[in-house]
PDB file of N, CA and C in Angstrom:
ATOM      1  N   UNK A   1     -78.670 -29.073  17.023  1.00  0.00           N
ATOM      2  CA  UNK A   1     -77.840 -30.248  16.807  1.00  0.00           C
ATOM      3  C   UNK A   1     -78.645 -31.224  15.949  1.00  0.00           C
ATOM      4  N   UNK A   2     -78.000 -31.791  14.960  1.00  0.00           N
ATOM      5  CA  UNK A   2     -78.684 -32.726  14.065  1.00  0.00           C
ATOM      6  C   UNK A   2     -78.970 -34.047  14.779  1.00  0.00           C
ATOM      7  N   UNK A   3     -79.937 -34.776  14.245  1.00  0.00           N
ATOM      8  CA  UNK A   3     -80.284 -36.086  14.819  1.00  0.00           C
ATOM      9  C   UNK A   3     -79.087 -37.026  14.771  1.00  0.00           C
ATOM     10  N   UNK A   4     -78.323 -36.963  13.668  1.00  0.00           N
ATOM     11  CA  UNK A   4     -77.145 -37.837  13.550  1.00  0.00           C
ATOM     12  C   UNK A   4     -76.125 -37.501  14.637  1.00  0.00           C
ATOM     13  N   UNK A   5     -75.909 -36.205  14.896  1.00  0.00           N
ATOM     14  CA  UNK A   5     -74.972 -35.806  15.947  1.00  0.00           C
ATOM     15  C   UNK A   5     -75.460 -36.259  17.314  1.00  0.00           C
ATOM     16  N   UNK A   6     -76.763 -36.110  17.547  1.00  0.00           N
ATOM     17  CA  UNK A   6     -77.343 -36.553  18.813  1.00  0.00           C
ATOM     18  C   UNK A   6     -77.191 -38.058  18.976  1.00  0.00           C
ATOM     19  N   UNK A   7     -77.486 -38.806  17.909  1.00  0.00           N
ATOM     20  CA  UNK A   7     -77.340 -40.265  17.961  1.00  0.00           C
ATOM     21  C   UNK A   7     -75.895 -40.664  18.234  1.00  0.00           C
ATOM     22  N   UNK A   8     -74.948 -39.966  17.611  1.00  0.00           N
ATOM     23  CA  UNK A   8     -73.533 -40.280  17.808  1.00  0.00           C
ATOM     24  C   UNK A   8     -73.111 -39.985  19.244  1.00  0.00           C
ATOM     25  N   UNK A   9     -73.573 -38.860  19.794  1.00  0.00           N
ATOM     26  CA  UNK A   9     -73.238 -38.533  21.182  1.00  0.00           C
ATOM     27  C   UNK A   9     -73.839 -39.549  22.152  1.00  0.00           C
ATOM     28  N   UNK A  10     -75.084 -39.930  21.919  1.00  0.00           N
ATOM     29  CA  UNK A  10     -75.707 -40.952  22.766  1.00  0.00           C
ATOM     30  C   UNK A  10     -74.971 -42.282  22.646  1.00  0.00           C
ATOM     31  N   UNK A  11     -74.583 -42.634  21.433  1.00  0.00           N
ATOM     32  CA  UNK A  11     -73.843 -43.878  21.213  1.00  0.00           C
ATOM     33  C   UNK A  11     -72.488 -43.826  21.912  1.00  0.00           C
ATOM     34  N   UNK A  12     -71.824 -42.673  21.878  1.00  0.00           N
ATOM     35  CA  UNK A  12     -70.527 -42.529  22.541  1.00  0.00           C
ATOM     36  C   UNK A  12     -70.674 -42.688  24.051  1.00  0.00           C
ATOM     37  N   UNK A  13     -71.724 -42.086  24.623  1.00  0.00           N
ATOM     38  CA  UNK A  13     -71.958 -42.235  26.062  1.00  0.00           C
ATOM     39  C   UNK A  13     -72.232 -43.692  26.420  1.00  0.00           C
ATOM     40  N   UNK A  14     -73.029 -44.354  25.600  1.00  0.00           N
ATOM     41  CA  UNK A  14     -73.340 -45.762  25.850  1.00  0.00           C
ATOM     42  C   UNK A  14     -72.092 -46.631  25.702  1.00  0.00           C
ATOM     43  N   UNK A  15     -71.287 -46.359  24.673  1.00  0.00           N
ATOM     44  CA  UNK A  15     -70.041 -47.111  24.468  1.00  0.00           C
ATOM     45  C   UNK A  15     -69.106 -46.927  25.656  1.00  0.00           C
ATOM     46  N   UNK A  16     -68.973 -45.677  26.124  1.00  0.00           N
ATOM     47  CA  UNK A  16     -68.111 -45.421  27.276  1.00  0.00           C
ATOM     48  C   UNK A  16     -68.618 -46.155  28.516  1.00  0.00           C
ATOM     49  N   UNK A  17     -69.937 -46.207  28.671  1.00  0.00           N
ATOM     50  CA  UNK A  17     -70.506 -46.944  29.806  1.00  0.00           C
ATOM     51  C   UNK A  17     -70.172 -48.434  29.693  1.00  0.00           C
ATOM     52  N   UNK A  18     -70.361 -49.014  28.493  1.00  0.00           N
ATOM     53  CA  UNK A  18     -70.040 -50.429  28.296  1.00  0.00           C
ATOM     54  C   UNK A  18     -68.568 -50.700  28.597  1.00  0.00           C
ATOM     55  N   UNK A  19     -67.690 -49.833  28.117  1.00  0.00           N
ATOM     56  CA  UNK A  19     -66.252 -50.009  28.346  1.00  0.00           C
ATOM     57  C   UNK A  19     -65.945 -49.905  29.839  1.00  0.00           C
ATOM     58  N   UNK A  20     -66.577 -48.944  30.526  1.00  0.00           N
ATOM     59  CA  UNK A  20     -66.376 -48.799  31.969  1.00  0.00           C
ATOM     60  C   UNK A  20     -66.804 -50.063  32.711  1.00  0.00           C
ATOM     61  N   UNK A  21     -67.943 -50.627  32.328  1.00  0.00           N
ATOM     62  CA  UNK A  21     -68.425 -51.856  32.967  1.00  0.00           C
ATOM     63  C   UNK A  21     -67.446 -53.001  32.716  1.00  0.00           C
ATOM     64  N   UNK A  22     -66.989 -53.137  31.482  1.00  0.00           N
ATOM     65  CA  UNK A  22     -66.039 -54.213  31.155  1.00  0.00           C
ATOM     66  C   UNK A  22     -64.743 -54.031  31.933  1.00  0.00           C
ATOM     67  N   UNK A  23     -64.215 -52.796  31.966  1.00  0.00           N
ATOM     68  CA  UNK A  23     -62.956 -52.550  32.667  1.00  0.00           C
ATOM     69  C   UNK A  23     -63.082 -52.782  34.171  1.00  0.00           C
ATOM     70  N   UNK A  24     -64.264 -52.554  34.724  1.00  0.00           N
ATOM     71  CA  UNK A  24     -64.426 -52.747  36.166  1.00  0.00           C
ATOM     72  C   UNK A  24     -64.757 -54.190  36.538  1.00  0.00           C
ATOM     73  N   UNK A  25     -65.184 -54.993  35.577  1.00  0.00           N
ATOM     74  CA  UNK A  25     -65.548 -56.378  35.896  1.00  0.00           C
ATOM     75  C   UNK A  25     -64.616 -57.416  35.281  1.00  0.00           C
ATOM     76  N   UNK A  26     -64.223 -57.221  34.046  1.00  0.00           N
ATOM     77  CA  UNK A  26     -63.341 -58.177  33.356  1.00  0.00           C
ATOM     78  C   UNK A  26     -62.358 -57.404  32.474  1.00  0.00           C
ATOM     79  N   UNK A  27     -61.451 -56.644  33.072  1.00  0.00           N
ATOM     80  CA  UNK A  27     -60.552 -55.801  32.284  1.00  0.00           C
ATOM     81  C   UNK A  27     -59.677 -56.576  31.306  1.00  0.00           C
ATOM     82  N   UNK A  28     -59.412 -57.833  31.609  1.00  0.00           N
ATOM     83  CA  UNK A  28     -58.559 -58.628  30.719  1.00  0.00           C
ATOM     84  C   UNK A  28     -59.164 -58.778  29.329  1.00  0.00           C
ATOM     85  N   UNK A  29     -60.464 -58.593  29.204  1.00  0.00           N
ATOM     86  CA  UNK A  29     -61.098 -58.675  27.883  1.00  0.00           C
ATOM     87  C   UNK A  29     -60.659 -57.535  26.968  1.00  0.00           C
ATOM     88  N   UNK A  30     -60.302 -56.392  27.565  1.00  0.00           N
ATOM     89  CA  UNK A  30     -59.908 -55.239  26.757  1.00  0.00           C
ATOM     90  C   UNK A  30     -58.433 -54.903  26.849  1.00  0.00           C
ATOM     91  N   UNK A  31     -57.797 -55.219  27.952  1.00  0.00           N
ATOM     92  CA  UNK A  31     -56.405 -54.809  28.149  1.00  0.00           C
ATOM     93  C   UNK A  31     -55.540 -55.948  28.665  1.00  0.00           C
ATOM     94  N   UNK A  32     -55.746 -57.134  28.155  1.00  0.00           N
ATOM     95  CA  UNK A  32     -54.975 -58.271  28.657  1.00  0.00           C
ATOM     96  C   UNK A  32     -53.487 -58.042  28.459  1.00  0.00           C
ATOM     97  N   UNK A  33     -52.744 -58.346  29.473  1.00  0.00           N
ATOM     98  CA  UNK A  33     -51.294 -58.280  29.385  1.00  0.00           C
ATOM     99  C   UNK A  33     -50.689 -56.909  29.612  1.00  0.00           C
ATOM    100  N   UNK A  34     -51.492 -55.859  29.764  1.00  0.00           N
ATOM    101  CA  UNK A  34     -50.916 -54.522  29.941  1.00  0.00           C
ATOM    102  C   UNK A  34     -50.393 -54.344  31.361  1.00  0.00           C
ATOM    103  N   UNK A  35     -51.096 -54.856  32.347  1.00  0.00           N
ATOM    104  CA  UNK A  35     -50.687 -54.679  33.733  1.00  0.00           C
ATOM    105  C   UNK A  35     -49.296 -55.218  33.995  1.00  0.00           C
ATOM    106  N   UNK A  36     -48.415 -54.370  34.513  1.00  0.00           N
ATOM    107  CA  UNK A  36     -47.079 -54.790  34.875  1.00  0.00           C
ATOM    108  C   UNK A  36     -46.107 -54.922  33.718  1.00  0.00           C
ATOM    109  N   UNK A  37     -46.535 -54.594  32.521  1.00  0.00           N
ATOM    110  CA  UNK A  37     -45.657 -54.709  31.357  1.00  0.00           C
ATOM    111  C   UNK A  37     -44.914 -53.392  31.168  1.00  0.00           C
ATOM    112  N   UNK A  38     -43.610 -53.468  31.070  1.00  0.00           N
ATOM    113  CA  UNK A  38     -42.799 -52.267  30.923  1.00  0.00           C
ATOM    114  C   UNK A  38     -42.589 -51.893  29.458  1.00  0.00           C
ATOM    115  N   UNK A  39     -43.041 -52.704  28.539  1.00  0.00           N
ATOM    116  CA  UNK A  39     -42.836 -52.477  27.114  1.00  0.00           C
ATOM    117  C   UNK A  39     -43.804 -51.406  26.611  1.00  0.00           C
ATOM    118  N   UNK A  40     -43.284 -50.215  26.338  1.00  0.00           N
ATOM    119  CA  UNK A  40     -44.107 -49.093  25.897  1.00  0.00           C
ATOM    120  C   UNK A  40     -44.848 -49.419  24.611  1.00  0.00           C
ATOM    121  N   UNK A  41     -44.213 -50.108  23.683  1.00  0.00           N
ATOM    122  CA  UNK A  41     -44.864 -50.461  22.417  1.00  0.00           C
ATOM    123  C   UNK A  41     -46.096 -51.326  22.674  1.00  0.00           C
ATOM    124  N   UNK A  42     -45.984 -52.281  23.578  1.00  0.00           N
ATOM    125  CA  UNK A  42     -47.110 -53.164  23.904  1.00  0.00           C
ATOM    126  C   UNK A  42     -48.267 -52.357  24.502  1.00  0.00           C
ATOM    127  N   UNK A  43     -47.953 -51.415  25.379  1.00  0.00           N
ATOM    128  CA  UNK A  43     -48.976 -50.569  25.992  1.00  0.00           C
ATOM    129  C   UNK A  43     -49.636 -49.688  24.934  1.00  0.00           C
ATOM    130  N   UNK A  44     -48.832 -49.133  24.019  1.00  0.00           N
ATOM    131  CA  UNK A  44     -49.389 -48.299  22.949  1.00  0.00           C
ATOM    132  C   UNK A  44     -50.320 -49.106  22.053  1.00  0.00           C
ATOM    133  N   UNK A  45     -49.940 -50.324  21.738  1.00  0.00           N
ATOM    134  CA  UNK A  45     -50.792 -51.180  20.903  1.00  0.00           C
ATOM    135  C   UNK A  45     -52.111 -51.488  21.619  1.00  0.00           C
ATOM    136  N   UNK A  46     -52.039 -51.730  22.916  1.00  0.00           N
ATOM    137  CA  UNK A  46     -53.254 -51.975  23.692  1.00  0.00           C
ATOM    138  C   UNK A  46     -54.167 -50.759  23.711  1.00  0.00           C
ATOM    139  N   UNK A  47     -53.579 -49.578  23.855  1.00  0.00           N
ATOM    140  CA  UNK A  47     -54.368 -48.343  23.850  1.00  0.00           C
ATOM    141  C   UNK A  47     -55.019 -48.114  22.489  1.00  0.00           C
ATOM    142  N   UNK A  48     -54.274 -48.380  21.422  1.00  0.00           N
ATOM    143  CA  UNK A  48     -54.832 -48.238  20.072  1.00  0.00           C
ATOM    144  C   UNK A  48     -55.977 -49.224  19.849  1.00  0.00           C
ATOM    145  N   UNK A  49     -55.810 -50.442  20.333  1.00  0.00           N
ATOM    146  CA  UNK A  49     -56.863 -51.451  20.183  1.00  0.00           C
ATOM    147  C   UNK A  49     -58.116 -51.037  20.951  1.00  0.00           C
ATOM    148  N   UNK A  50     -57.942 -50.486  22.149  1.00  0.00           N
ATOM    149  CA  UNK A  50     -59.082 -50.030  22.939  1.00  0.00           C
ATOM    150  C   UNK A  50     -59.781 -48.856  22.255  1.00  0.00           C
ATOM    151  N   UNK A  51     -59.013 -47.922  21.705  1.00  0.00           N
ATOM    152  CA  UNK A  51     -59.599 -46.788  20.984  1.00  0.00           C
ATOM    153  C   UNK A  51     -60.359 -47.265  19.749  1.00  0.00           C
ATOM    154  N   UNK A  52     -59.806 -48.237  19.044  1.00  0.00           N
ATOM    155  CA  UNK A  52     -60.479 -48.784  17.864  1.00  0.00           C
ATOM    156  C   UNK A  52     -61.768 -49.493  18.271  1.00  0.00           C
ATOM    157  N   UNK A  53     -61.728 -50.247  19.357  1.00  0.00           N
ATOM    158  CA  UNK A  53     -62.926 -50.918  19.863  1.00  0.00           C
ATOM    159  C   UNK A  53     -64.003 -49.887  20.191  1.00  0.00           C
ATOM    160  N   UNK A  54     -63.609 -48.790  20.847  1.00  0.00           N
ATOM    161  CA  UNK A  54     -64.567 -47.741  21.216  1.00  0.00           C
ATOM    162  C   UNK A  54     -65.184 -47.122  19.973  1.00  0.00           C
ATOM    163  N   UNK A  55     -64.372 -46.784  18.983  1.00  0.00           N
ATOM    164  CA  UNK A  55     -64.877 -46.182  17.750  1.00  0.00           C
ATOM    165  C   UNK A  55     -65.848 -47.119  17.041  1.00  0.00           C
ATOM    166  N   UNK A  56     -65.485 -48.382  16.934  1.00  0.00           N
ATOM    167  CA  UNK A  56     -66.363 -49.358  16.286  1.00  0.00           C
ATOM    168  C   UNK A  56     -67.673 -49.498  17.051  1.00  0.00           C
ATOM    169  N   UNK A  57     -67.590 -49.538  18.364  1.00  0.00           N
ATOM    170  CA  UNK A  57     -68.785 -49.648  19.193  1.00  0.00           C
ATOM    171  C   UNK A  57     -69.687 -48.429  18.999  1.00  0.00           C
ATOM    172  N   UNK A  58     -69.110 -47.240  18.968  1.00  0.00           N
ATOM    173  CA  UNK A  58     -69.890 -46.019  18.741  1.00  0.00           C
ATOM    174  C   UNK A  58     -70.565 -46.071  17.378  1.00  0.00           C
ATOM    175  N   UNK A  59     -69.828 -46.463  16.354  1.00  0.00           N
ATOM    176  CA  UNK A  59     -70.401 -46.524  15.009  1.00  0.00           C
ATOM    177  C   UNK A  59     -71.563 -47.503  14.949  1.00  0.00           C
ATOM    178  N   UNK A  60     -71.403 -48.655  15.552  1.00  0.00           N
ATOM    179  CA  UNK A  60     -72.467 -49.657  15.528  1.00  0.00           C
ATOM    180  C   UNK A  60     -73.665 -49.221  16.371  1.00  0.00           C
ATOM    181  N   UNK A  61     -73.411 -48.658  17.548  1.00  0.00           N
ATOM    182  CA  UNK A  61     -74.510 -48.222  18.406  1.00  0.00           C
ATOM    183  C   UNK A  61     -75.282 -47.060  17.794  1.00  0.00           C
ATOM    184  N   UNK A  62     -74.597 -46.185  17.067  1.00  0.00           N
ATOM    185  CA  UNK A  62     -75.282 -45.033  16.474  1.00  0.00           C
ATOM    186  C   UNK A  62     -76.254 -45.453  15.380  1.00  0.00           C
ATOM    187  N   UNK A  63     -76.136 -46.675  14.897  1.00  0.00           N
ATOM    188  CA  UNK A  63     -77.049 -47.194  13.879  1.00  0.00           C
ATOM    189  C   UNK A  63     -78.278 -47.860  14.500  1.00  0.00           C
ATOM    190  N   UNK A  64     -78.279 -47.997  15.829  1.00  0.00           N
ATOM    191  CA  UNK A  64     -79.376 -48.664  16.533  1.00  0.00           C
ATOM    192  C   UNK A  64     -80.347 -47.627  17.094  1.00  0.00           C
ATOM    193  N   UNK A  65     -81.624 -47.996  17.221  1.00  0.00           N
ATOM    194  CA  UNK A  65     -82.560 -47.083  17.884  1.00  0.00           C
ATOM    195  C   UNK A  65     -82.136 -46.887  19.338  1.00  0.00           C
ATOM    196  N   UNK A  66     -82.150 -45.645  19.797  1.00  0.00           N
ATOM    197  CA  UNK A  66     -81.748 -45.346  21.164  1.00  0.00           C
ATOM    198  C   UNK A  66     -82.964 -45.363  22.080  1.00  0.00           C
ATOM    199  N   UNK A  67     -82.823 -45.943  23.273  1.00  0.00           N
ATOM    200  CA  UNK A  67     -83.944 -45.969  24.221  1.00  0.00           C
ATOM    201  C   UNK A  67     -84.429 -44.552  24.515  1.00  0.00           C
ATOM    202  N   UNK A  68     -85.723 -44.377  24.490  1.00  0.00           N
ATOM    203  CA  UNK A  68     -86.294 -43.079  24.795  1.00  0.00           C
ATOM    204  C   UNK A  68     -86.295 -42.109  23.636  1.00  0.00           C
ATOM    205  N   UNK A  69     -85.655 -42.479  22.532  1.00  0.00           N
ATOM    206  CA  UNK A  69     -85.589 -41.587  21.378  1.00  0.00           C
ATOM    207  C   UNK A  69     -86.603 -41.987  20.317  1.00  0.00           C
ATOM    208  N   UNK A  70     -87.274 -43.131  20.487  1.00  0.00           N
ATOM    209  CA  UNK A  70     -88.219 -43.607  19.485  1.00  0.00           C
ATOM    210  C   UNK A  70     -87.498 -44.307  18.366  1.00  0.00           C
ATOM    211  N   UNK A  71     -88.177 -45.200  17.718  1.00  0.00           N
ATOM    212  CA  UNK A  71     -87.580 -45.933  16.591  1.00  0.00           C
ATOM    213  C   UNK A  71     -87.565 -45.050  15.365  1.00  0.00           C
ATOM    214  N   UNK A  72     -86.525 -45.217  14.535  1.00  0.00           N
ATOM    215  CA  UNK A  72     -86.409 -44.427  13.300  1.00  0.00           C
ATOM    216  C   UNK A  72     -87.189 -45.064  12.195  1.00  0.00           C
TER     217      UNK A  72
END
């Protein structure tokens, strides 16, 4: 596996952890207004926004030195 692939996988795991922490402590920061809303379009937009946030977080984290991996 290439270093870039490894960095991306580590970044994805870290991003998922950050999202899990946010959803368990302050979910309104990522999914405000979704709870109890019957509007499917609104829920889809929220899901797309969360997916975009995750992708952006992975991209940004993959550019950072990973703990235990040494600085590049």
